[in-house]
Protein backbone atom coordinates (compact mmCIF):
# COMPACT_ATOMS: atom_id res chain seq x y z
CA MET A 1 122.95 146.56 60.87
CA GLY A 2 120.36 148.08 58.53
CA ASN A 3 117.59 147.82 61.15
CA PHE A 4 119.84 149.51 63.74
CA VAL A 5 120.51 152.44 61.39
CA ARG A 6 116.79 152.86 60.65
CA ASP A 7 116.02 152.88 64.40
CA ILE A 8 118.68 155.58 64.89
CA VAL A 9 117.11 157.68 62.11
CA ILE A 10 113.69 157.41 63.80
CA CYS A 11 115.19 158.61 67.10
CA VAL A 12 116.95 161.52 65.33
CA LEU A 13 113.70 162.55 63.59
CA LEU A 14 111.94 162.50 66.97
CA LEU A 15 114.56 164.60 68.77
CA LEU A 16 115.04 167.06 65.90
CA SER A 17 111.33 167.79 65.39
CA VAL A 18 110.69 168.13 69.14
CA SER A 19 113.62 170.56 69.44
CA ILE A 20 112.28 172.70 66.58
CA ILE A 21 108.80 172.89 68.14
CA PHE A 22 110.18 173.71 71.60
CA GLY A 23 112.38 176.45 70.11
CA THR A 24 109.44 177.99 68.24
CA SER A 25 107.33 177.87 71.40
CA GLU A 26 110.03 179.64 73.42
CA ILE A 27 110.24 182.41 70.80
CA ILE A 28 106.46 182.95 70.94
CA LYS A 29 106.51 183.00 74.76
CA SER A 30 109.34 185.54 74.75
CA LEU A 31 107.28 187.76 72.44
CA THR A 32 104.28 187.50 74.81
CA ASN A 33 105.80 189.03 77.91
CA ASN A 34 108.53 186.39 78.41
CA GLY A 35 106.14 183.54 79.07
CA GLU A 36 104.57 185.27 82.05
CA GLU A 37 100.88 186.12 82.37
CA ILE A 38 99.50 186.77 78.91
CA PRO A 39 97.91 190.23 78.62
CA LYS A 40 94.41 190.40 79.96
CA THR A 41 92.64 191.29 76.70
CA SER A 42 90.26 188.36 76.47
CA VAL A 43 90.29 187.80 72.70
CA TYR A 44 94.06 188.26 72.48
CA ASN A 45 94.46 185.88 75.42
CA SER A 46 92.42 183.18 73.71
CA ILE A 47 94.25 183.53 70.37
CA VAL A 48 97.71 183.29 71.98
CA ARG A 49 96.62 180.35 74.16
CA LEU A 50 95.27 178.59 71.08
CA CYS A 51 98.54 179.08 69.18
CA LEU A 52 100.59 177.80 72.12
CA ASN A 53 98.25 174.84 72.55
CA LEU A 54 98.61 173.91 68.87
CA LEU A 55 102.39 174.13 69.15
CA GLY A 56 102.24 171.83 72.15
CA TYR A 57 100.19 169.30 70.20
CA ALA A 58 102.64 169.59 67.30
CA THR A 59 105.38 168.38 69.67
CA VAL A 60 103.68 164.97 69.46
CA LEU A 61 102.03 165.11 66.04
CA LEU A 62 104.92 166.45 63.92
CA PRO A 63 107.40 163.70 64.97
CA GLY A 64 104.63 161.14 64.40
CA TYR A 65 103.99 162.48 60.90
CA LEU A 66 107.69 162.52 59.96
CA ILE A 67 108.23 159.00 61.31
CA TYR A 68 105.14 157.79 59.42
CA LYS A 69 106.51 159.22 56.15
CA TYR A 70 109.94 157.71 56.82
CA VAL A 71 108.46 154.30 57.65
CA ARG A 72 106.45 154.27 54.42
CA TYR A 73 109.32 155.54 52.26
CA THR A 74 111.88 153.01 53.54
CA LYS A 75 109.38 150.12 53.88
CA TYR A 76 110.57 149.81 57.48
CA ILE A 77 107.77 147.49 58.56
CA GLN A 78 108.12 145.08 55.63
CA LYS A 79 111.82 144.62 56.43
CA GLY A 80 110.92 143.46 59.93
CA GLY A 81 113.07 143.84 62.99
CA LYS A 82 113.17 142.99 66.67
CA GLY A 83 113.07 145.22 69.70
CA CYS A 84 110.77 147.80 71.25
CA ILE A 85 111.04 150.38 68.43
CA PRO A 86 109.88 148.02 65.61
CA ARG A 87 107.04 146.70 67.79
CA LEU A 88 105.93 150.23 68.71
CA VAL A 89 106.09 151.35 65.07
CA HIS A 90 104.06 148.28 64.03
CA SER A 91 101.36 148.97 66.66
CA CYS A 92 101.18 152.67 65.77
CA PHE A 93 101.04 152.43 61.98
CA VAL A 94 99.75 148.93 61.15
CA GLY A 95 97.88 147.45 64.11
CA HIS A 96 97.04 143.74 64.18
CA CYS A 97 99.95 143.17 66.55
CA GLU A 98 99.81 139.93 68.55
CA THR A 99 100.46 141.79 71.79
CA GLY A 100 98.92 145.18 71.14
CA LEU A 101 99.01 148.03 73.65
CA LEU A 102 95.25 147.95 74.17
CA ASP A 103 94.77 144.16 74.26
CA SER A 104 93.32 142.47 77.31
CA PRO A 105 94.26 138.93 78.33
CA PRO A 106 93.14 136.33 75.73
CA TYR A 107 89.51 136.92 74.83
CA THR A 108 86.95 134.15 75.12
CA PRO A 109 83.42 135.12 74.10
CA ASN A 110 80.68 134.44 76.59
CA THR A 111 78.73 131.49 75.20
CA SER A 112 76.35 131.16 78.13
CA THR A 113 72.68 131.57 77.34
CA HIS A 114 71.37 135.10 77.65
CA THR A 115 68.68 135.44 80.27
CA GLN A 116 65.72 137.55 79.23
CA ARG A 117 65.13 140.51 81.54
CA THR A 118 61.66 141.05 82.96
CA PHE A 119 59.81 144.37 82.63
CA THR A 120 60.60 145.22 86.27
CA GLN A 121 64.29 144.47 85.77
CA ASP A 122 64.32 146.57 82.60
CA ALA A 123 62.61 149.46 84.39
CA LEU A 124 65.03 149.35 87.34
CA LEU A 125 68.04 149.13 85.01
CA LEU A 126 66.76 152.04 82.93
CA MET A 127 66.26 154.12 86.09
CA TYR A 128 69.82 153.26 87.16
CA CYS A 129 71.20 154.40 83.79
CA PHE A 130 68.98 157.52 83.73
CA PHE A 131 69.91 158.76 87.20
CA GLY A 132 73.57 157.79 86.72
CA LEU A 133 73.82 159.83 83.53
CA GLN A 134 71.83 162.75 84.93
CA GLY A 135 73.84 162.83 88.16
CA SER A 136 77.20 162.59 86.37
CA TYR A 137 76.60 165.15 83.67
CA LEU A 138 74.49 167.65 85.59
CA SER A 139 77.20 167.74 88.26
CA TRP A 140 79.83 168.05 85.54
CA GLY A 141 77.97 170.97 83.92
CA TYR A 142 77.55 172.74 87.27
CA LEU A 143 81.25 172.35 88.09
CA GLN A 144 82.26 173.38 84.58
CA GLU A 145 80.38 176.67 84.86
CA LYS A 146 81.60 177.20 88.43
CA ILE A 147 85.28 176.72 87.59
CA MET A 148 85.25 178.90 84.47
CA THR A 149 82.95 181.73 85.58
CA GLN A 150 83.14 182.02 89.39
CA GLU A 151 85.94 183.51 91.49
CA TYR A 152 87.84 181.51 94.13
CA GLU A 153 88.65 183.12 97.47
CA ASP A 154 91.54 182.30 99.83
CA ALA A 155 91.75 182.70 103.62
CA SER A 156 92.93 186.31 103.26
CA GLY A 157 89.98 187.29 101.10
CA ASN A 158 91.95 187.48 97.84
CA LYS A 159 89.90 186.47 94.80
CA ALA A 160 90.96 185.04 91.45
CA ARG A 161 89.42 183.23 88.50
CA PHE A 162 90.98 180.13 86.93
CA GLN A 163 91.92 180.82 83.28
CA ASP A 164 93.64 177.72 81.83
CA SER A 165 90.93 175.77 79.98
CA GLN A 166 93.43 173.18 78.76
CA PHE A 167 94.26 171.97 82.25
CA LEU A 168 90.59 171.10 82.79
CA VAL A 169 90.67 169.07 79.56
CA PHE A 170 93.77 167.26 80.88
CA VAL A 171 92.17 166.56 84.26
CA ASN A 172 89.03 165.15 82.64
CA ARG A 173 90.98 162.91 80.28
CA ILE A 174 93.54 161.43 82.66
CA LEU A 175 91.00 159.83 85.00
CA ALA A 176 88.96 158.52 82.04
CA PHE A 177 92.15 156.96 80.63
CA LEU A 178 93.02 155.30 83.95
CA MET A 179 89.49 153.97 84.48
CA SER A 180 89.23 152.54 80.95
CA GLY A 181 92.75 151.06 81.23
CA ILE A 182 91.86 149.31 84.49
CA TYR A 183 88.64 148.04 82.89
CA LEU A 184 90.65 146.53 80.00
CA LEU A 185 92.90 144.74 82.49
CA ILE A 186 89.93 143.30 84.37
CA LYS A 187 87.40 142.64 81.60
CA ARG A 188 88.57 140.58 78.64
CA GLN A 189 88.17 142.18 75.21
CA PRO A 190 88.66 141.10 71.58
CA GLN A 191 92.12 141.66 70.10
CA HIS A 192 92.75 145.31 69.33
CA LYS A 193 93.42 145.74 65.58
CA THR A 194 93.22 149.49 64.93
CA PRO A 195 96.50 151.31 64.08
CA LEU A 196 97.09 153.62 67.02
CA TYR A 197 97.87 156.68 64.91
CA LYS A 198 94.27 156.76 63.65
CA TYR A 199 93.08 157.61 67.16
CA ALA A 200 95.21 160.76 67.10
CA PHE A 201 92.80 162.48 64.67
CA CYS A 202 89.70 162.14 66.85
CA SER A 203 91.77 162.74 69.99
CA LEU A 204 93.00 166.08 68.62
CA SER A 205 89.49 167.11 67.55
CA ASN A 206 88.16 165.95 70.92
CA ILE A 207 90.54 168.01 73.05
CA MET A 208 90.19 171.01 70.75
CA SER A 209 86.39 170.83 70.97
CA SER A 210 86.63 170.57 74.78
CA TRP A 211 88.98 173.57 74.87
CA CYS A 212 86.53 175.58 72.74
CA GLN A 213 83.72 174.51 75.07
CA TYR A 214 85.52 175.68 78.23
CA GLU A 215 86.86 178.84 76.58
CA ALA A 216 83.40 179.76 75.25
CA LEU A 217 82.12 180.07 78.84
CA LYS A 218 84.22 183.24 79.12
CA TYR A 219 82.04 184.81 76.41
CA VAL A 220 78.61 183.09 76.43
CA SER A 221 76.24 181.99 79.14
CA PHE A 222 76.04 178.30 80.06
CA PRO A 223 72.41 177.92 78.82
CA THR A 224 73.51 179.25 75.42
CA GLN A 225 76.31 176.68 75.31
CA VAL A 226 74.00 173.81 76.28
CA LEU A 227 71.48 174.79 73.61
CA ALA A 228 74.29 174.90 71.05
CA LYS A 229 75.12 171.30 72.02
CA ALA A 230 71.49 170.32 71.41
CA SER A 231 71.90 171.80 67.92
CA LYS A 232 74.86 169.51 67.18
CA ILE A 233 72.64 167.53 64.79
CA ILE A 234 73.19 170.19 62.10
CA PRO A 235 77.02 170.04 61.91
CA VAL A 236 76.86 166.24 62.29
CA MET A 237 74.69 166.10 59.15
CA ILE A 238 77.08 168.42 57.29
CA MET A 239 80.09 166.36 58.42
CA GLY A 240 78.31 163.15 57.40
CA LYS A 241 77.77 164.61 53.92
CA ILE A 242 81.40 165.66 53.58
CA VAL A 243 83.17 162.67 55.19
CA SER A 244 80.85 159.70 54.57
CA ARG A 245 78.62 160.93 51.70
CA THR A 246 75.61 160.14 53.89
CA SER A 247 72.08 160.76 52.55
CA TYR A 248 69.33 162.03 54.86
CA GLU A 249 65.55 161.82 55.01
CA TYR A 250 63.28 164.85 54.52
CA TYR A 251 62.25 164.95 58.20
CA GLU A 252 65.94 165.26 59.17
CA TYR A 253 66.30 168.43 57.11
CA VAL A 254 63.02 169.81 58.56
CA THR A 255 64.04 169.16 62.18
CA ALA A 256 67.50 170.63 61.49
CA ALA A 257 65.87 173.81 60.18
CA LEU A 258 63.57 174.02 63.25
CA ILE A 259 66.56 173.58 65.55
CA SER A 260 68.37 176.42 63.75
CA ILE A 261 65.34 178.71 64.18
CA GLY A 262 64.99 177.82 67.87
CA MET A 263 68.69 178.40 68.53
CA THR A 264 68.57 181.78 66.75
CA LEU A 265 65.52 182.91 68.76
CA PHE A 266 67.20 181.97 72.03
CA MET A 267 70.55 183.59 71.29
CA LEU A 268 69.17 186.85 69.86
CA ASP A 269 66.51 187.33 72.52
CA SER A 270 68.28 186.15 75.67
CA SER A 271 68.72 188.80 78.33
CA ASP A 272 72.39 187.82 78.67
CA TYR A 273 72.95 189.04 75.12
CA LYS A 274 71.10 192.29 75.58
CA ASN A 275 72.23 193.33 79.03
CA ASP A 276 75.77 192.22 79.82
CA GLY A 277 77.09 191.16 76.43
CA ALA A 278 77.70 187.57 77.49
CA THR A 279 77.10 186.33 73.97
CA THR A 280 79.77 187.85 71.73
CA LEU A 281 81.13 187.14 68.28
CA THR A 282 84.13 185.43 69.88
CA GLY A 283 81.82 183.17 71.89
CA VAL A 284 79.81 182.27 68.79
CA ILE A 285 83.01 181.42 66.88
CA LEU A 286 84.21 179.22 69.76
CA LEU A 287 80.84 177.45 69.92
CA GLY A 288 80.98 176.93 66.16
CA GLY A 289 84.47 175.47 66.53
CA TYR A 290 83.21 173.17 69.28
CA LEU A 291 80.30 171.92 67.15
CA VAL A 292 82.43 171.28 64.03
CA LEU A 293 85.24 169.55 65.94
CA ASP A 294 82.88 167.47 68.08
CA SER A 295 80.96 166.40 64.96
CA PHE A 296 84.20 165.27 63.33
CA THR A 297 85.12 163.33 66.49
CA SER A 298 81.91 161.28 66.50
CA THR A 299 82.02 160.75 62.70
CA TRP A 300 85.64 159.55 62.79
CA GLN A 301 85.03 157.26 65.79
CA SER A 302 82.03 155.75 64.03
CA ALA A 303 84.21 155.05 60.98
CA LEU A 304 86.81 153.32 63.19
CA PHE A 305 84.13 151.20 64.87
CA THR A 306 82.86 150.11 61.45
CA GLU A 307 86.25 149.44 59.86
CA TYR A 308 88.17 147.79 62.70
CA GLY A 309 85.52 146.64 65.20
CA ALA A 310 87.18 148.19 68.25
CA THR A 311 85.12 147.99 71.44
CA SER A 312 83.83 151.12 73.16
CA VAL A 313 86.25 150.76 76.08
CA GLN A 314 89.23 150.29 73.76
CA MET A 315 88.15 153.44 71.92
CA MET A 316 87.77 155.30 75.22
CA CYS A 317 91.21 154.18 76.41
CA ALA A 318 93.05 154.96 73.16
CA VAL A 319 91.46 158.37 72.58
CA ASN A 320 92.04 159.44 76.19
CA MET A 321 95.63 158.11 76.06
CA PHE A 322 96.42 160.43 73.13
CA SER A 323 94.46 163.26 74.77
CA CYS A 324 96.52 162.96 77.97
CA LEU A 325 99.75 162.88 75.96
CA LEU A 326 98.85 165.91 73.83
CA THR A 327 97.52 168.10 76.66
CA ALA A 328 100.29 167.15 79.12
CA MET A 329 102.98 167.96 76.53
CA SER A 330 101.33 171.30 75.73
CA LEU A 331 100.98 172.24 79.41
CA PHE A 332 104.59 171.24 80.08
CA GLN A 333 105.84 173.21 77.07
CA GLN A 334 103.97 176.34 78.21
CA SER A 335 105.31 175.95 81.78
CA SER A 336 101.71 175.89 82.97
CA PHE A 337 102.06 173.24 85.67
CA PRO A 338 103.96 175.46 88.20
CA LEU A 339 101.39 178.25 87.79
CA ILE A 340 98.49 175.80 88.19
CA PHE A 341 100.04 174.19 91.27
CA ALA A 342 100.54 177.66 92.76
CA PHE A 343 96.85 178.41 92.10
CA MET A 344 95.90 175.11 93.77
CA THR A 345 98.03 175.93 96.82
CA MET A 346 96.43 179.35 97.16
CA TYR A 347 92.86 178.15 96.51
CA PRO A 348 92.40 174.58 97.86
CA ARG A 349 88.71 174.53 96.87
CA PHE A 350 89.86 174.42 93.25
CA ILE A 351 91.53 171.03 93.91
CA VAL A 352 88.23 169.61 95.14
CA ASP A 353 86.38 170.94 92.08
CA CYS A 354 89.03 169.45 89.75
CA LEU A 355 88.72 166.03 91.36
CA LEU A 356 84.92 166.16 91.24
CA ILE A 357 84.73 167.28 87.62
CA SER A 358 87.15 164.55 86.49
CA ILE A 359 85.19 161.89 88.41
CA CYS A 360 81.90 163.11 86.89
CA SER A 361 83.39 163.16 83.39
CA ALA A 362 84.93 159.68 83.58
CA GLY A 363 81.87 158.21 85.32
CA GLY A 364 79.61 159.78 82.69
CA GLN A 365 81.60 158.15 79.87
CA LEU A 366 81.27 154.73 81.51
CA TYR A 367 77.51 155.26 81.98
CA ILE A 368 77.23 156.15 78.26
CA PHE A 369 78.86 152.89 77.18
CA TYR A 370 76.81 150.87 79.68
CA THR A 371 73.52 152.45 78.55
CA ILE A 372 74.30 151.81 74.89
CA SER A 373 75.13 148.16 75.63
CA LYS A 374 71.86 147.62 77.53
CA PHE A 375 69.30 149.80 75.70
CA GLY A 376 70.92 151.05 72.48
CA PRO A 377 71.89 154.52 71.20
CA VAL A 378 68.32 155.88 70.79
CA THR A 379 67.58 155.56 74.52
CA LEU A 380 70.90 157.27 75.26
CA VAL A 381 70.05 160.19 72.96
CA ILE A 382 66.68 160.68 74.69
CA ILE A 383 68.27 160.60 78.17
CA MET A 384 71.03 163.01 77.14
CA THR A 385 68.52 165.38 75.52
CA ILE A 386 66.53 165.47 78.78
CA ARG A 387 69.82 166.10 80.57
CA GLN A 388 70.53 169.16 78.41
CA GLY A 389 67.12 170.63 79.24
CA LEU A 390 67.67 170.02 82.95
CA ALA A 391 71.15 171.56 82.70
CA ILE A 392 69.68 174.81 81.36
CA LEU A 393 67.07 174.83 84.14
CA LEU A 394 69.68 174.09 86.84
CA SER A 395 72.03 176.79 85.56
CA CYS A 396 69.25 179.39 85.47
CA LEU A 397 68.25 178.54 89.05
CA ILE A 398 71.79 178.49 90.50
CA TYR A 399 73.46 181.29 88.53
CA HIS A 400 70.33 183.43 87.93
CA HIS A 401 70.37 183.49 84.11
CA GLU A 402 67.21 185.16 82.83
CA ILE A 403 65.41 183.91 79.71
CA THR A 404 62.59 185.86 78.05
CA VAL A 405 59.37 184.34 76.68
CA ILE A 406 60.78 184.23 73.14
CA GLY A 407 63.95 182.62 74.52
CA VAL A 408 61.86 179.95 76.28
CA PHE A 409 60.00 179.34 73.00
CA GLY A 410 63.38 178.89 71.27
CA VAL A 411 64.47 176.32 73.90
CA LEU A 412 61.18 174.39 73.54
CA LEU A 413 61.46 174.49 69.74
CA VAL A 414 64.99 173.03 69.84
CA PHE A 415 64.17 170.19 72.24
CA GLY A 416 60.81 169.53 70.60
CA SER A 417 62.58 169.16 67.25
CA VAL A 418 65.15 166.78 68.77
CA PHE A 419 62.40 164.54 70.20
CA LEU A 420 60.48 164.73 66.89
CA ARG A 421 63.62 163.58 65.10
CA ILE A 422 64.04 160.64 67.50
CA TYR A 423 60.38 159.64 67.03
CA CYS A 424 60.58 159.83 63.22
CA THR A 425 63.81 157.84 63.16
CA ASN A 426 62.31 155.08 65.32
CA ARG A 427 59.10 155.07 63.28
CA LEU A 428 60.98 154.79 59.98
CA ARG A 429 63.12 151.93 61.30
CA ALA A 430 60.01 150.03 62.43
CA ILE A 431 58.39 150.46 58.98
CA ARG A 432 61.53 149.22 57.24
CA ARG A 433 61.75 146.19 59.53
CA ARG A 434 58.13 145.28 58.82
CA ARG A 435 58.71 145.62 55.06
CA ALA A 436 61.85 143.49 55.25
CA ALA A 437 59.99 140.81 57.24
CA ALA A 438 57.10 140.84 54.75
CA ASN A 439 59.50 140.51 51.79
CA SER A 440 61.33 137.59 53.44
CA ILE A 441 58.00 135.78 54.00
CA LYS A 442 57.05 136.23 50.33
CA HIS A 443 60.34 134.80 49.14
């Protein structure tokens, strides 16, 4: 009887908190023109959209937080219980469940002898990874800029620009979730032990960083955004200091300073900034939000990998599962789906672009995991750095962005610093390995 009462309380907490969030959202929508088109002032538009998005996410996160507190206060898990609610609570807040939501069929490690690849096989495999990553992410970048900055035209000649950045985040995440889920069903994995609620933190930061990234394209040029991504090393170092108390080498501080100088030269001297005001304070704030949130995402995921040993595909599936849930709930709460479907009906080319960008995004994620498994993270960083340089070049050629000589010098300084950092990191690792080998021989 006690377990039944506790299950009822959990359901009441869920319904009550969701009702409160929905009511608050309806009040805000009524104050912004009765939920219709938000006024066209760009900054105001972004602020209201952000508030509504956060309320949508709270529809999932607030009930989860209240249930977590209730479960801990009443020692719900220790008292046991049978049924779907106790099992779901156990998977969400404890993990280590015998039949977890992200478990594959029983895992049996591959004990067959590993065949050494020849140089030719390595070269061909590296080319496959290189062109797969370049093709996926260059296409994704092109489509991203096209969807957010170009106007669509219907058969009657009417033109309109797509405005809802969150729907693009949803489209990217849902296919990645389906692909990783299918992979887990086909390819056996170790038992999943991570409490599901811990994925919600990096999922929220991930979708918020993606929203900032798409929204920033309304205020900054695509080359500026790409160069900001190349400068992600700086916030990652800051986040590492704050979250993990990580210490860094001198060359890491030097390269971070050079990247900052290069980024400043590019942004202050780019013709986009001088002529049409593409780079604005709002755009810089959004890019800063993207960098901070994305840095937290990678830092938190790294901590989960270390603590629980989840595989990359399990991480991909869990994070994208929460991302789909959060974005879908927010879009539903804002009544965005009918407006988006109407836009799709009027401009069919948008449907094609949505499908292509989601395929490129999901395929790119799979290529990332495959490249790391075959060649390690350093090779991936080099390939992705080259990709960022090519993305700037491709955007300038297609969309006619002009960069001055000082701007070009800033771009070269940023990418040169990134490659210098990679070289120094590899060199330092090699020296440490040699010292460790020499010490082991002595002893």
